[in-house]
PDB file of N, CA and C in Angstrom:
ATOM      1  N   MET A   1      91.511  97.186  75.218  1.00  0.00           N
ATOM      2  CA  MET A   1      92.148  96.762  76.398  1.00  0.00           C
ATOM      3  C   MET A   1      91.563  96.607  77.797  1.00  0.00           C
ATOM      4  N   PHE A   2      91.799  95.244  78.332  1.00  0.00           N
ATOM      5  CA  PHE A   2      91.430  94.789  80.029  1.00  0.00           C
ATOM      6  C   PHE A   2      92.791  94.964  80.673  1.00  0.00           C
ATOM      7  N   SER A   3      92.778  95.518  81.637  1.00  0.00           N
ATOM      8  CA  SER A   3      93.931  95.504  82.445  1.00  0.00           C
ATOM      9  C   SER A   3      94.020  94.098  83.932  1.00  0.00           C
ATOM     10  N   THR A   4      95.221  94.084  83.832  1.00  0.00           N
ATOM     11  CA  THR A   4      95.467  92.848  84.409  1.00  0.00           C
ATOM     12  C   THR A   4      96.754  93.288  85.614  1.00  0.00           C
ATOM     13  N   ASN A   5      96.682  94.441  86.209  1.00  0.00           N
ATOM     14  CA  ASN A   5      96.525  94.774  87.639  1.00  0.00           C
ATOM     15  C   ASN A   5      96.283  94.499  88.745  1.00  0.00           C
ATOM     16  N   PHE A   6      96.437  92.975  89.239  1.00  0.00           N
ATOM     17  CA  PHE A   6      96.142  92.735  90.426  1.00  0.00           C
ATOM     18  C   PHE A   6      97.630  93.108  92.280  1.00  0.00           C
ATOM     19  N   TYR A   7      97.023  93.297  92.441  1.00  0.00           N
ATOM     20  CA  TYR A   7      97.279  93.688  94.147  1.00  0.00           C
ATOM     21  C   TYR A   7      97.291  92.448  95.076  1.00  0.00           C
ATOM     22  N   THR A   8      98.509  92.318  96.589  1.00  0.00           N
ATOM     23  CA  THR A   8      98.444  91.868  96.932  1.00  0.00           C
ATOM     24  C   THR A   8      98.694  92.302  97.942  1.00  0.00           C
ATOM     25  N   LEU A   9      97.415  91.962  99.780  1.00  0.00           N
ATOM     26  CA  LEU A   9      97.646  93.244 100.418  1.00  0.00           C
ATOM     27  C   LEU A   9      97.596  91.771 101.618  1.00  0.00           C
ATOM     28  N   LEU A  10      98.376  92.726 103.002  1.00  0.00           N
ATOM     29  CA  LEU A  10      99.226  92.436 103.536  1.00  0.00           C
ATOM     30  C   LEU A  10      98.257  92.596 105.390  1.00  0.00           C
ATOM     31  N   TYR A  11      96.993  91.909 105.723  1.00  0.00           N
ATOM     32  CA  TYR A  11      96.412  92.407 106.686  1.00  0.00           C
ATOM     33  C   TYR A  11      96.807  91.902 107.929  1.00  0.00           C
ATOM     34  N   ASN A  12      96.481  92.714 108.791  1.00  0.00           N
ATOM     35  CA  ASN A  12      97.665  91.623 109.777  1.00  0.00           C
ATOM     36  C   ASN A  12      97.032  92.154 111.365  1.00  0.00           C
ATOM     37  N   ILE A  13      96.526  91.071 111.708  1.00  0.00           N
ATOM     38  CA  ILE A  13      95.122  90.696 112.941  1.00  0.00           C
ATOM     39  C   ILE A  13      95.176  90.056 113.399  1.00  0.00           C
ATOM     40  N   GLN A  14      96.214  89.814 113.779  1.00  0.00           N
ATOM     41  CA  GLN A  14      97.376  88.948 114.900  1.00  0.00           C
ATOM     42  C   GLN A  14      96.521  89.380 116.681  1.00  0.00           C
ATOM     43  N   ARG A  15      95.553  90.343 116.139  1.00  0.00           N
ATOM     44  CA  ARG A  15      95.750  91.112 117.862  1.00  0.00           C
ATOM     45  C   ARG A  15      94.163  91.109 119.248  1.00  0.00           C
ATOM     46  N   PHE A  16      93.227  90.598 117.212  1.00  0.00           N
ATOM     47  CA  PHE A  16      92.016  90.730 117.776  1.00  0.00           C
ATOM     48  C   PHE A  16      91.577  89.510 117.578  1.00  0.00           C
ATOM     49  N   TYR A  17      90.584  88.223 118.449  1.00  0.00           N
ATOM     50  CA  TYR A  17      90.349  87.445 119.040  1.00  0.00           C
ATOM     51  C   TYR A  17      89.158  86.947 118.076  1.00  0.00           C
ATOM     52  N   HIS A  18      88.748  86.396 117.961  1.00  0.00           N
ATOM     53  CA  HIS A  18      87.987  85.574 116.307  1.00  0.00           C
ATOM     54  C   HIS A  18      87.088  86.392 116.589  1.00  0.00           C
ATOM     55  N   ILE A  19      85.999  86.845 116.438  1.00  0.00           N
ATOM     56  CA  ILE A  19      85.151  87.124 115.753  1.00  0.00           C
ATOM     57  C   ILE A  19      85.367  88.782 115.235  1.00  0.00           C
ATOM     58  N   CYS A  20      86.378  89.769 115.925  1.00  0.00           N
ATOM     59  CA  CYS A  20      86.730  91.149 115.868  1.00  0.00           C
ATOM     60  C   CYS A  20      87.221  90.688 114.737  1.00  0.00           C
ATOM     61  N   GLY A  21      88.260  89.718 114.910  1.00  0.00           N
ATOM     62  CA  GLY A  21      89.041  89.685 113.620  1.00  0.00           C
ATOM     63  C   GLY A  21      88.496  89.280 112.300  1.00  0.00           C
ATOM     64  N   LEU A  22      87.053  88.043 111.715  1.00  0.00           N
ATOM     65  CA  LEU A  22      86.449  87.790 111.328  1.00  0.00           C
ATOM     66  C   LEU A  22      85.849  89.071 111.104  1.00  0.00           C
ATOM     67  N   VAL A  23      85.363  89.918 111.194  1.00  0.00           N
ATOM     68  CA  VAL A  23      84.448  91.056 111.106  1.00  0.00           C
ATOM     69  C   VAL A  23      84.965  92.067 110.215  1.00  0.00           C
ATOM     70  N   LYS A  24      86.207  92.318 110.396  1.00  0.00           N
ATOM     71  CA  LYS A  24      88.231  92.635 109.734  1.00  0.00           C
ATOM     72  C   LYS A  24      88.427  92.609 108.585  1.00  0.00           C
ATOM     73  N   THR A  25      87.861  91.164 109.109  1.00  0.00           N
ATOM     74  CA  THR A  25      88.076  90.238 107.389  1.00  0.00           C
ATOM     75  C   THR A  25      87.569  90.709 106.363  1.00  0.00           C
ATOM     76  N   LYS A  26      86.155  89.767 107.373  1.00  0.00           N
ATOM     77  CA  LYS A  26      85.154  90.526 105.927  1.00  0.00           C
ATOM     78  C   LYS A  26      84.905  91.771 105.469  1.00  0.00           C
ATOM     79  N   LEU A  27      85.321  92.651 106.014  1.00  0.00           N
ATOM     80  CA  LEU A  27      84.919  94.488 105.817  1.00  0.00           C
ATOM     81  C   LEU A  27      86.197  94.586 104.718  1.00  0.00           C
ATOM     82  N   LYS A  28      87.215  93.977 104.510  1.00  0.00           N
ATOM     83  CA  LYS A  28      88.613  94.200 104.321  1.00  0.00           C
ATOM     84  C   LYS A  28      88.128  93.814 102.976  1.00  0.00           C
ATOM     85  N   LEU A  29      87.840  92.452 102.514  1.00  0.00           N
ATOM     86  CA  LEU A  29      87.341  91.844 101.608  1.00  0.00           C
ATOM     87  C   LEU A  29      86.578  92.682 101.264  1.00  0.00           C
ATOM     88  N   ALA A  30      85.457  92.925 101.426  1.00  0.00           N
ATOM     89  CA  ALA A  30      84.712  93.907 100.648  1.00  0.00           C
ATOM     90  C   ALA A  30      84.855  95.316  99.941  1.00  0.00           C
ATOM     91  N   GLN A  31      86.250  95.537 100.820  1.00  0.00           N
ATOM     92  CA  GLN A  31      87.103  97.498 100.306  1.00  0.00           C
ATOM     93  C   GLN A  31      88.163  96.783  98.324  1.00  0.00           C
ATOM     94  N   ILE A  32      88.380  95.716  98.702  1.00  0.00           N
ATOM     95  CA  ILE A  32      89.246  95.160  97.593  1.00  0.00           C
ATOM     96  C   ILE A  32      89.101  95.166  96.319  1.00  0.00           C
ATOM     97  N   ASP A  33      89.576  95.322  95.510  1.00  0.00           N
ATOM     98  CA  ASP A  33      89.427  94.624  93.986  1.00  0.00           C
ATOM     99  C   ASP A  33      89.214  93.719  93.445  1.00  0.00           C
ATOM    100  N   LYS A  34      88.238  92.587  92.600  1.00  0.00           N
ATOM    101  CA  LYS A  34      88.618  91.803  92.229  1.00  0.00           C
ATOM    102  C   LYS A  34      89.576  91.074  91.667  1.00  0.00           C
ATOM    103  N   GLY A  35      90.149  89.983  92.404  1.00  0.00           N
ATOM    104  CA  GLY A  35      91.391  89.486  91.353  1.00  0.00           C
ATOM    105  C   GLY A  35      91.834  89.802  91.913  1.00  0.00           C
ATOM    106  N   ASP A  36      91.928  90.863  92.922  1.00  0.00           N
ATOM    107  CA  ASP A  36      93.013  91.068  94.201  1.00  0.00           C
ATOM    108  C   ASP A  36      93.309  90.400  95.203  1.00  0.00           C
ATOM    109  N   ILE A  37      94.689  90.106  95.977  1.00  0.00           N
ATOM    110  CA  ILE A  37      94.121  88.626  96.770  1.00  0.00           C
ATOM    111  C   ILE A  37      94.555  89.989  98.691  1.00  0.00           C
ATOM    112  N   LEU A  38      94.392  89.155  99.182  1.00  0.00           N
ATOM    113  CA  LEU A  38      94.023  89.389 100.987  1.00  0.00           C
ATOM    114  C   LEU A  38      94.693  88.022 101.192  1.00  0.00           C
ATOM    115  N   GLU A  39      95.987  88.501 101.425  1.00  0.00           N
ATOM    116  CA  GLU A  39      96.859  87.186 102.815  1.00  0.00           C
ATOM    117  C   GLU A  39      96.762  87.809 104.389  1.00  0.00           C
ATOM    118  N   VAL A  40      95.980  87.240 105.445  1.00  0.00           N
ATOM    119  CA  VAL A  40      95.285  87.549 106.088  1.00  0.00           C
ATOM    120  C   VAL A  40      96.870  87.026 107.775  1.00  0.00           C
ATOM    121  N   LEU A  41      96.995  87.351 108.122  1.00  0.00           N
ATOM    122  CA  LEU A  41      98.020  86.915 109.566  1.00  0.00           C
ATOM    123  C   LEU A  41      97.196  86.930 111.105  1.00  0.00           C
ATOM    124  N   LEU A  42      96.937  85.803 110.670  1.00  0.00           N
ATOM    125  CA  LEU A  42      96.253  85.081 111.989  1.00  0.00           C
ATOM    126  C   LEU A  42      97.530  85.085 113.007  1.00  0.00           C
ATOM    127  N   SER A  43      96.257  84.911 114.608  1.00  0.00           N
ATOM    128  CA  SER A  43      96.724  84.111 115.642  1.00  0.00           C
ATOM    129  C   SER A  43      96.650  82.984 115.868  1.00  0.00           C
ATOM    130  N   GLU A  44      97.466  82.033 116.052  1.00  0.00           N
ATOM    131  CA  GLU A  44      97.592  80.465 116.402  1.00  0.00           C
ATOM    132  C   GLU A  44      96.515  80.235 117.568  1.00  0.00           C
ATOM    133  N   GLY A  45      95.760  78.592 117.072  1.00  0.00           N
ATOM    134  CA  GLY A  45      93.894  78.834 117.585  1.00  0.00           C
ATOM    135  C   GLY A  45      93.468  78.681 116.787  1.00  0.00           C
ATOM    136  N   GLU A  46      91.953  79.642 117.970  1.00  0.00           N
ATOM    137  CA  GLU A  46      90.729  79.660 117.236  1.00  0.00           C
ATOM    138  C   GLU A  46      90.372  80.510 115.980  1.00  0.00           C
ATOM    139  N   PRO A  47      91.003  81.528 115.599  1.00  0.00           N
ATOM    140  CA  PRO A  47      91.616  82.279 115.159  1.00  0.00           C
ATOM    141  C   PRO A  47      91.839  81.782 113.880  1.00  0.00           C
ATOM    142  N   LEU A  48      93.524  81.185 113.968  1.00  0.00           N
ATOM    143  CA  LEU A  48      93.952  80.701 112.625  1.00  0.00           C
ATOM    144  C   LEU A  48      92.696  79.210 112.265  1.00  0.00           C
ATOM    145  N   ASP A  49      91.956  78.689 113.011  1.00  0.00           N
ATOM    146  CA  ASP A  49      90.959  78.238 112.591  1.00  0.00           C
ATOM    147  C   ASP A  49      89.867  78.512 111.996  1.00  0.00           C
ATOM    148  N   ASN A  50      89.971  79.397 111.804  1.00  0.00           N
ATOM    149  CA  ASN A  50      87.439  79.989 112.223  1.00  0.00           C
ATOM    150  C   ASN A  50      87.413  80.151 111.008  1.00  0.00           C
ATOM    151  N   VAL A  51      88.155  81.469 110.614  1.00  0.00           N
ATOM    152  CA  VAL A  51      88.687  82.856 110.594  1.00  0.00           C
ATOM    153  C   VAL A  51      88.868  82.090 108.770  1.00  0.00           C
ATOM    154  N   PRO A  52      90.253  81.759 108.701  1.00  0.00           N
ATOM    155  CA  PRO A  52      90.044  81.290 106.843  1.00  0.00           C
ATOM    156  C   PRO A  52      88.519  80.089 106.545  1.00  0.00           C
ATOM    157  N   ARG A  53      87.818  79.409 106.889  1.00  0.00           N
ATOM    158  CA  ARG A  53      86.255  79.105 106.995  1.00  0.00           C
ATOM    159  C   ARG A  53      85.222  79.665 106.881  1.00  0.00           C
ATOM    160  N   SER A  54      85.413  80.358 107.826  1.00  0.00           N
ATOM    161  CA  SER A  54      84.225  81.954 107.880  1.00  0.00           C
ATOM    162  C   SER A  54      84.385  82.557 107.051  1.00  0.00           C
ATOM    163  N   ALA A  55      85.100  83.513 106.594  1.00  0.00           N
ATOM    164  CA  ALA A  55      85.462  84.260 105.006  1.00  0.00           C
ATOM    165  C   ALA A  55      85.700  83.678 103.467  1.00  0.00           C
ATOM    166  N   GLU A  56      85.609  82.335 103.802  1.00  0.00           N
ATOM    167  CA  GLU A  56      85.121  81.837 102.419  1.00  0.00           C
ATOM    168  C   GLU A  56      84.360  82.206 103.118  1.00  0.00           C
ATOM    169  N   GLU A  57      82.693  81.570 103.256  1.00  0.00           N
ATOM    170  CA  GLU A  57      81.547  81.821 103.307  1.00  0.00           C
ATOM    171  C   GLU A  57      80.736  82.700 102.865  1.00  0.00           C
TER     172      GLU A  57
END
């Protein structure tokens, strides 16, 4: 039998600049299990524009 327990994690990096926030997001993505969801809170401007796009890569 397979486990279907997936988790949603909230990660607040609003105080970090783009490159630091991107690195922290990629590190956190590497730590979570496949199927889990990582919600990242970002500051407006450059981080909000660039981190989601860069994290997909």
